[in-house]
């Protein structure tokens, strides 16, 4: 092979290699963009799921607090009703049997006094 032919072949090979390297660089750049987009989408989706989970947990906690508040109010109302009922019952008993009530109070006082002496 002559030097002129060899130079043309080397030049053609060099140009092909240069085109191939450029194509590979472009492919790598495109792949990098795709990976970046995928990671951004993944991060966005994960963030959305985290926000959704936080909102659900917060709503559940608020509901639990509301339920406990309602139960506490109901228990307080029941305790107040029971106290009023006991008070009314005692008033009725004192009004209907005043002597028996006084005797019972003296007896309870005597028992408490005996218990404290020991």
N, C-alpha and C. Protein backbone atom coordinates (compact mmCIF):
# COMPACT_ATOMS: atom_id res chain seq x y z
N UNK A 1 0.83 -1.15 0.00
CA UNK A 1 0.00 0.00 0.00
C UNK A 1 0.89 1.24 0.00
N UNK A 2 0.45 2.22 -0.70
CA UNK A 2 1.28 3.42 -0.79
C UNK A 2 0.96 4.33 0.38
N UNK A 3 1.88 5.29 0.56
CA UNK A 3 1.71 6.22 1.68
C UNK A 3 0.45 7.08 1.50
N UNK A 4 0.13 7.45 0.30
CA UNK A 4 -1.06 8.28 0.04
C UNK A 4 -2.32 7.52 0.39
N UNK A 5 -2.37 6.24 0.01
CA UNK A 5 -3.54 5.43 0.32
C UNK A 5 -3.65 5.21 1.82
N UNK A 6 -2.52 4.97 2.42
CA UNK A 6 -2.50 4.74 3.87
C UNK A 6 -2.98 6.00 4.60
N UNK A 7 -2.55 7.17 4.17
CA UNK A 7 -2.98 8.42 4.80
C UNK A 7 -4.49 8.63 4.63
N UNK A 8 -5.03 8.28 3.43
CA UNK A 8 -6.47 8.40 3.22
C UNK A 8 -7.24 7.44 4.11
N UNK A 9 -6.72 6.23 4.25
CA UNK A 9 -7.37 5.23 5.11
C UNK A 9 -7.30 5.66 6.56
N UNK A 10 -6.15 6.16 7.01
CA UNK A 10 -6.01 6.63 8.39
C UNK A 10 -6.94 7.81 8.66
N UNK A 11 -7.06 8.69 7.66
CA UNK A 11 -7.91 9.87 7.81
C UNK A 11 -9.37 9.44 7.90
N UNK A 12 -9.80 8.49 7.07
CA UNK A 12 -11.18 8.00 7.08
C UNK A 12 -11.48 7.29 8.40
N UNK A 13 -10.52 6.50 8.88
CA UNK A 13 -10.68 5.81 10.14
C UNK A 13 -10.79 6.81 11.29
N UNK A 14 -9.95 7.83 11.26
CA UNK A 14 -9.97 8.87 12.29
C UNK A 14 -11.32 9.59 12.29
N UNK A 15 -11.83 9.92 11.10
CA UNK A 15 -13.11 10.62 11.01
C UNK A 15 -14.25 9.75 11.52
N UNK A 16 -14.21 8.44 11.20
CA UNK A 16 -15.23 7.52 11.70
C UNK A 16 -15.17 7.41 13.21
N UNK A 17 -13.96 7.30 13.76
CA UNK A 17 -13.79 7.22 15.21
C UNK A 17 -14.28 8.51 15.89
N UNK A 18 -13.97 9.62 15.24
CA UNK A 18 -14.41 10.90 15.79
C UNK A 18 -15.94 10.97 15.81
N UNK A 19 -16.61 10.51 14.75
CA UNK A 19 -18.08 10.50 14.70
C UNK A 19 -18.63 9.54 15.76
N UNK A 20 -17.98 8.37 15.90
CA UNK A 20 -18.44 7.40 16.90
C UNK A 20 -18.30 7.95 18.32
N UNK A 21 -17.19 8.62 18.60
CA UNK A 21 -16.98 9.21 19.94
C UNK A 21 -18.03 10.29 20.20
N UNK A 22 -18.31 11.10 19.19
CA UNK A 22 -19.33 12.15 19.33
C UNK A 22 -20.70 11.52 19.58
N UNK A 23 -21.01 10.45 18.86
CA UNK A 23 -22.29 9.76 19.05
C UNK A 23 -22.39 9.17 20.46
N UNK A 24 -21.30 8.58 20.95
CA UNK A 24 -21.29 8.02 22.30
C UNK A 24 -21.49 9.12 23.34
N UNK A 25 -20.81 10.27 23.13
CA UNK A 25 -20.97 11.41 24.05
C UNK A 25 -22.43 11.88 24.07
N UNK A 26 -23.03 11.95 22.90
CA UNK A 26 -24.44 12.37 22.82
C UNK A 26 -25.36 11.36 23.50
N UNK A 27 -25.07 10.07 23.30
CA UNK A 27 -25.86 9.03 23.96
C UNK A 27 -25.73 9.12 25.48
N UNK A 28 -24.51 9.34 25.96
CA UNK A 28 -24.27 9.46 27.41
C UNK A 28 -25.02 10.67 27.96
N UNK A 29 -24.99 11.79 27.24
CA UNK A 29 -25.70 13.00 27.67
C UNK A 29 -27.20 12.74 27.73
N UNK A 30 -27.74 12.06 26.72
CA UNK A 30 -29.17 11.75 26.69
C UNK A 30 -29.54 10.81 27.84
N UNK A 31 -28.70 9.81 28.09
CA UNK A 31 -28.93 8.86 29.18
C UNK A 31 -28.88 9.58 30.53
N UNK A 32 -27.94 10.50 30.67
CA UNK A 32 -27.84 11.27 31.91
C UNK A 32 -29.11 12.09 32.13
N UNK A 33 -29.62 12.70 31.07
CA UNK A 33 -30.86 13.47 31.18
C UNK A 33 -32.03 12.56 31.58
N UNK A 34 -32.10 11.38 30.97
CA UNK A 34 -33.18 10.45 31.31
C UNK A 34 -33.10 10.00 32.76
N UNK A 35 -31.89 9.71 33.23
CA UNK A 35 -31.70 9.29 34.63
C UNK A 35 -32.08 10.42 35.57
N UNK A 36 -31.67 11.64 35.23
CA UNK A 36 -32.01 12.80 36.05
C UNK A 36 -33.52 12.99 36.12
N UNK A 37 -34.19 12.88 34.98
CA UNK A 37 -35.65 13.01 34.95
C UNK A 37 -36.31 11.92 35.80
N UNK A 38 -35.81 10.68 35.68
CA UNK A 38 -36.37 9.58 36.45
C UNK A 38 -36.19 9.81 37.95
N UNK A 39 -35.00 10.26 38.34
CA UNK A 39 -34.75 10.53 39.76
C UNK A 39 -35.61 11.68 40.27
N UNK A 40 -35.78 12.71 39.47
CA UNK A 40 -36.63 13.83 39.87
C UNK A 40 -38.08 13.38 40.03
N UNK A 41 -38.55 12.56 39.08
CA UNK A 41 -39.92 12.03 39.19
C UNK A 41 -40.07 11.17 40.43
N UNK A 42 -39.07 10.33 40.69
CA UNK A 42 -39.10 9.47 41.87
C UNK A 42 -39.12 10.31 43.14
N UNK A 43 -38.27 11.33 43.20
CA UNK A 43 -38.23 12.20 44.38
C UNK A 43 -39.56 12.93 44.54
N UNK A 44 -40.14 13.40 43.44
CA UNK A 44 -41.43 14.07 43.52
C UNK A 44 -42.52 13.14 44.01
N UNK A 45 -42.52 11.92 43.50
CA UNK A 45 -43.52 10.94 43.92
C UNK A 45 -43.33 10.58 45.39
N UNK A 46 -42.09 10.38 45.80
CA UNK A 46 -41.83 10.05 47.21
C UNK A 46 -42.24 11.21 48.11
N UNK A 47 -41.97 12.44 47.69
CA UNK A 47 -42.38 13.60 48.47
C UNK A 47 -43.89 13.70 48.58
N UNK A 48 -44.57 13.45 47.47
CA UNK A 48 -46.03 13.48 47.49
C UNK A 48 -46.60 12.41 48.42
N UNK A 49 -46.02 11.22 48.36
CA UNK A 49 -46.48 10.15 49.22
C UNK A 49 -46.21 10.48 50.69
N UNK A 50 -45.06 11.07 50.97
CA UNK A 50 -44.75 11.46 52.34
C UNK A 50 -45.73 12.52 52.84
N UNK A 51 -46.03 13.51 52.00
CA UNK A 51 -46.98 14.55 52.40
C UNK A 51 -48.37 13.94 52.62
N UNK A 52 -48.76 13.04 51.73
CA UNK A 52 -50.06 12.39 51.88
C UNK A 52 -50.12 11.57 53.17
N UNK A 53 -49.03 10.83 53.45
CA UNK A 53 -48.98 10.05 54.69
C UNK A 53 -49.04 10.93 55.92
N UNK A 54 -48.34 12.06 55.86
CA UNK A 54 -48.36 13.00 56.99
C UNK A 54 -49.77 13.55 57.20
N UNK A 55 -50.43 13.92 56.10
CA UNK A 55 -51.79 14.46 56.22
C UNK A 55 -52.74 13.42 56.79
N UNK A 56 -52.59 12.17 56.35
CA UNK A 56 -53.46 11.10 56.86
C UNK A 56 -53.20 10.86 58.35
N UNK A 57 -51.92 10.84 58.73
CA UNK A 57 -51.59 10.63 60.14
C UNK A 57 -52.12 11.78 61.00
N UNK A 58 -51.98 12.99 60.49
CA UNK A 58 -52.47 14.15 61.24
C UNK A 58 -53.99 14.09 61.38
N UNK A 59 -54.68 13.74 60.31
CA UNK A 59 -56.14 13.63 60.36
C UNK A 59 -56.57 12.54 61.34
N UNK A 60 -55.84 11.42 61.35
CA UNK A 60 -56.16 10.34 62.28
C UNK A 60 -55.94 10.78 63.72
N UNK A 61 -54.84 11.50 63.96
CA UNK A 61 -54.56 11.97 65.31
C UNK A 61 -55.62 12.98 65.75
N UNK A 62 -56.00 13.88 64.87
CA UNK A 62 -57.03 14.86 65.22
C UNK A 62 -58.36 14.16 65.50
N UNK A 63 -58.68 13.14 64.73
CA UNK A 63 -59.91 12.39 64.95
C UNK A 63 -59.87 11.68 66.30
N UNK A 64 -58.71 11.11 66.64
CA UNK A 64 -58.57 10.42 67.92
C UNK A 64 -58.74 11.41 69.08
N UNK A 65 -58.15 12.59 68.95
CA UNK A 65 -58.29 13.60 69.99
C UNK A 65 -59.75 14.03 70.12
N UNK A 66 -60.41 14.23 68.98
CA UNK A 66 -61.83 14.60 69.01
C UNK A 66 -62.67 13.52 69.69
N UNK A 67 -62.39 12.25 69.33
CA UNK A 67 -63.13 11.14 69.94
C UNK A 67 -62.91 11.09 71.46
N UNK A 68 -61.64 11.26 71.87
CA UNK A 68 -61.35 11.23 73.31
C UNK A 68 -62.01 12.41 74.02
N UNK A 69 -62.05 13.55 73.38
CA UNK A 69 -62.69 14.73 73.96
C UNK A 69 -64.18 14.48 74.13
N UNK A 70 -64.80 13.90 73.11
CA UNK A 70 -66.23 13.59 73.20
C UNK A 70 -66.50 12.57 74.30
N UNK A 71 -65.66 11.55 74.40
CA UNK A 71 -65.84 10.54 75.45
C UNK A 71 -65.65 11.16 76.83
N UNK A 72 -64.64 12.04 76.94
CA UNK A 72 -64.41 12.71 78.22
C UNK A 72 -65.60 13.57 78.62
N UNK A 73 -66.16 14.28 77.64
CA UNK A 73 -67.33 15.11 77.91
C UNK A 73 -68.52 14.25 78.32
N UNK A 74 -68.70 13.13 77.63
CA UNK A 74 -69.80 12.23 77.97
C UNK A 74 -69.62 11.67 79.38
N UNK A 75 -68.39 11.31 79.73
CA UNK A 75 -68.14 10.78 81.07
C UNK A 75 -68.36 11.85 82.13
N UNK A 76 -67.95 13.08 81.83
CA UNK A 76 -68.16 14.18 82.77
C UNK A 76 -69.65 14.44 82.97
N UNK A 77 -70.39 14.42 81.87
CA UNK A 77 -71.84 14.60 81.96
C UNK A 77 -72.48 13.49 82.80
N UNK A 78 -72.04 12.26 82.57
CA UNK A 78 -72.58 11.13 83.32
C UNK A 78 -72.25 11.27 84.81
N UNK A 79 -71.02 11.71 85.13
CA UNK A 79 -70.63 11.89 86.53
C UNK A 79 -71.45 13.01 87.17
N UNK A 80 -71.68 14.10 86.43
CA UNK A 80 -72.50 15.19 86.97
C UNK A 80 -73.94 14.72 87.19
N UNK A 81 -74.46 13.95 86.24
CA UNK A 81 -75.82 13.42 86.40
C UNK A 81 -75.91 12.51 87.61
N UNK A 82 -74.89 11.66 87.81
CA UNK A 82 -74.88 10.76 88.97
C UNK A 82 -74.81 11.56 90.27
N UNK A 83 -73.99 12.61 90.30
CA UNK A 83 -73.88 13.43 91.51
C UNK A 83 -75.20 14.12 91.81
N UNK A 84 -75.86 14.65 90.80
CA UNK A 84 -77.16 15.30 90.99
C UNK A 84 -78.18 14.28 91.48
N UNK A 85 -78.14 13.08 90.91
CA UNK A 85 -79.07 12.03 91.31
C UNK A 85 -78.85 11.63 92.76
N UNK A 86 -77.59 11.49 93.16
CA UNK A 86 -77.28 11.15 94.57
C UNK A 86 -77.74 12.27 95.49
N UNK A 87 -77.48 13.48 95.08
CA UNK A 87 -77.90 14.64 95.89
C UNK A 87 -79.42 14.66 96.07
N UNK A 88 -80.15 14.43 94.98
CA UNK A 88 -81.61 14.41 95.05
C UNK A 88 -82.10 13.27 95.92
N UNK A 89 -81.45 12.12 95.81
CA UNK A 89 -81.83 10.97 96.62
C UNK A 89 -81.60 11.27 98.10
N UNK A 90 -80.46 11.88 98.43
CA UNK A 90 -80.17 12.23 99.82
C UNK A 90 -81.17 13.27 100.35
N UNK A 91 -81.48 14.25 99.52
CA UNK A 91 -82.45 15.26 99.94
C UNK A 91 -83.81 14.62 100.22
N UNK A 92 -84.22 13.71 99.32
CA UNK A 92 -85.50 13.02 99.53
C UNK A 92 -85.47 12.20 100.82
N UNK A 93 -84.37 11.49 101.05
CA UNK A 93 -84.26 10.65 102.25
C UNK A 93 -84.29 11.51 103.51
N UNK A 94 -83.58 12.64 103.50
CA UNK A 94 -83.54 13.53 104.66
C UNK A 94 -84.92 14.15 104.90
N UNK A 95 -85.59 14.52 103.83
CA UNK A 95 -86.91 15.14 103.95
C UNK A 95 -87.94 14.14 104.45
N UNK A 96 -87.90 12.90 103.96
CA UNK A 96 -88.90 11.90 104.32
C UNK A 96 -88.63 11.30 105.70
N UNK A 97 -87.38 11.12 106.08
CA UNK A 97 -87.04 10.48 107.36
C UNK A 97 -85.95 11.28 108.07
N UNK A 98 -86.25 12.42 108.64
CA UNK A 98 -85.23 13.25 109.25
C UNK A 98 -84.59 12.61 110.49
N UNK A 99 -85.37 11.94 111.30
CA UNK A 99 -84.81 11.32 112.52
C UNK A 99 -83.88 10.15 112.16
N UNK A 100 -84.28 9.34 111.21
CA UNK A 100 -83.44 8.21 110.80
C UNK A 100 -82.14 8.73 110.20
N UNK A 101 -82.19 9.83 109.47
CA UNK A 101 -81.01 10.39 108.85
C UNK A 101 -80.04 10.91 109.91
N UNK A 102 -80.57 11.58 110.91
CA UNK A 102 -79.72 12.09 111.99
C UNK A 102 -79.09 10.92 112.74
N UNK A 103 -79.89 9.88 113.02
CA UNK A 103 -79.36 8.70 113.70
C UNK A 103 -78.27 8.02 112.89
N UNK A 104 -78.47 7.94 111.57
CA UNK A 104 -77.46 7.33 110.70
C UNK A 104 -76.18 8.16 110.71
N UNK A 105 -76.31 9.48 110.66
CA UNK A 105 -75.14 10.36 110.67
C UNK A 105 -74.38 10.21 111.99
N UNK A 106 -75.09 10.11 113.11
CA UNK A 106 -74.43 9.92 114.41
C UNK A 106 -73.71 8.58 114.44
N UNK A 107 -74.35 7.53 113.90
CA UNK A 107 -73.73 6.20 113.88
C UNK A 107 -72.48 6.17 113.02
N UNK A 108 -72.54 6.79 111.87
CA UNK A 108 -71.36 6.83 110.98
C UNK A 108 -70.24 7.62 111.64
N UNK A 109 -70.58 8.74 112.27
CA UNK A 109 -69.58 9.54 112.98
C UNK A 109 -68.93 8.75 114.10
N UNK A 110 -69.74 7.96 114.85
CA UNK A 110 -69.21 7.13 115.94
C UNK A 110 -68.24 6.08 115.39
N UNK A 111 -68.60 5.43 114.28
CA UNK A 111 -67.73 4.41 113.67
C UNK A 111 -66.42 5.03 113.18
N UNK A 112 -66.50 6.20 112.60
CA UNK A 112 -65.28 6.87 112.13
C UNK A 112 -64.40 7.22 113.32
N UNK A 113 -65.01 7.69 114.39
CA UNK A 113 -64.25 8.01 115.61
C UNK A 113 -63.56 6.79 116.18
N UNK A 114 -64.24 5.66 116.20
CA UNK A 114 -63.62 4.42 116.71
C UNK A 114 -62.46 3.98 115.81
N UNK A 115 -62.62 4.12 114.55
CA UNK A 115 -61.58 3.71 113.61
C UNK A 115 -60.34 4.60 113.76
N UNK A 116 -60.51 5.86 114.00
CA UNK A 116 -59.37 6.78 114.13
C UNK A 116 -58.64 6.61 115.46
N UNK A 117 -59.35 6.14 116.44
CA UNK A 117 -58.71 5.92 117.75
C UNK A 117 -57.66 4.84 117.69
N UNK A 118 -57.88 3.85 116.93
CA UNK A 118 -56.97 2.70 116.88
C UNK A 118 -55.71 3.08 116.27
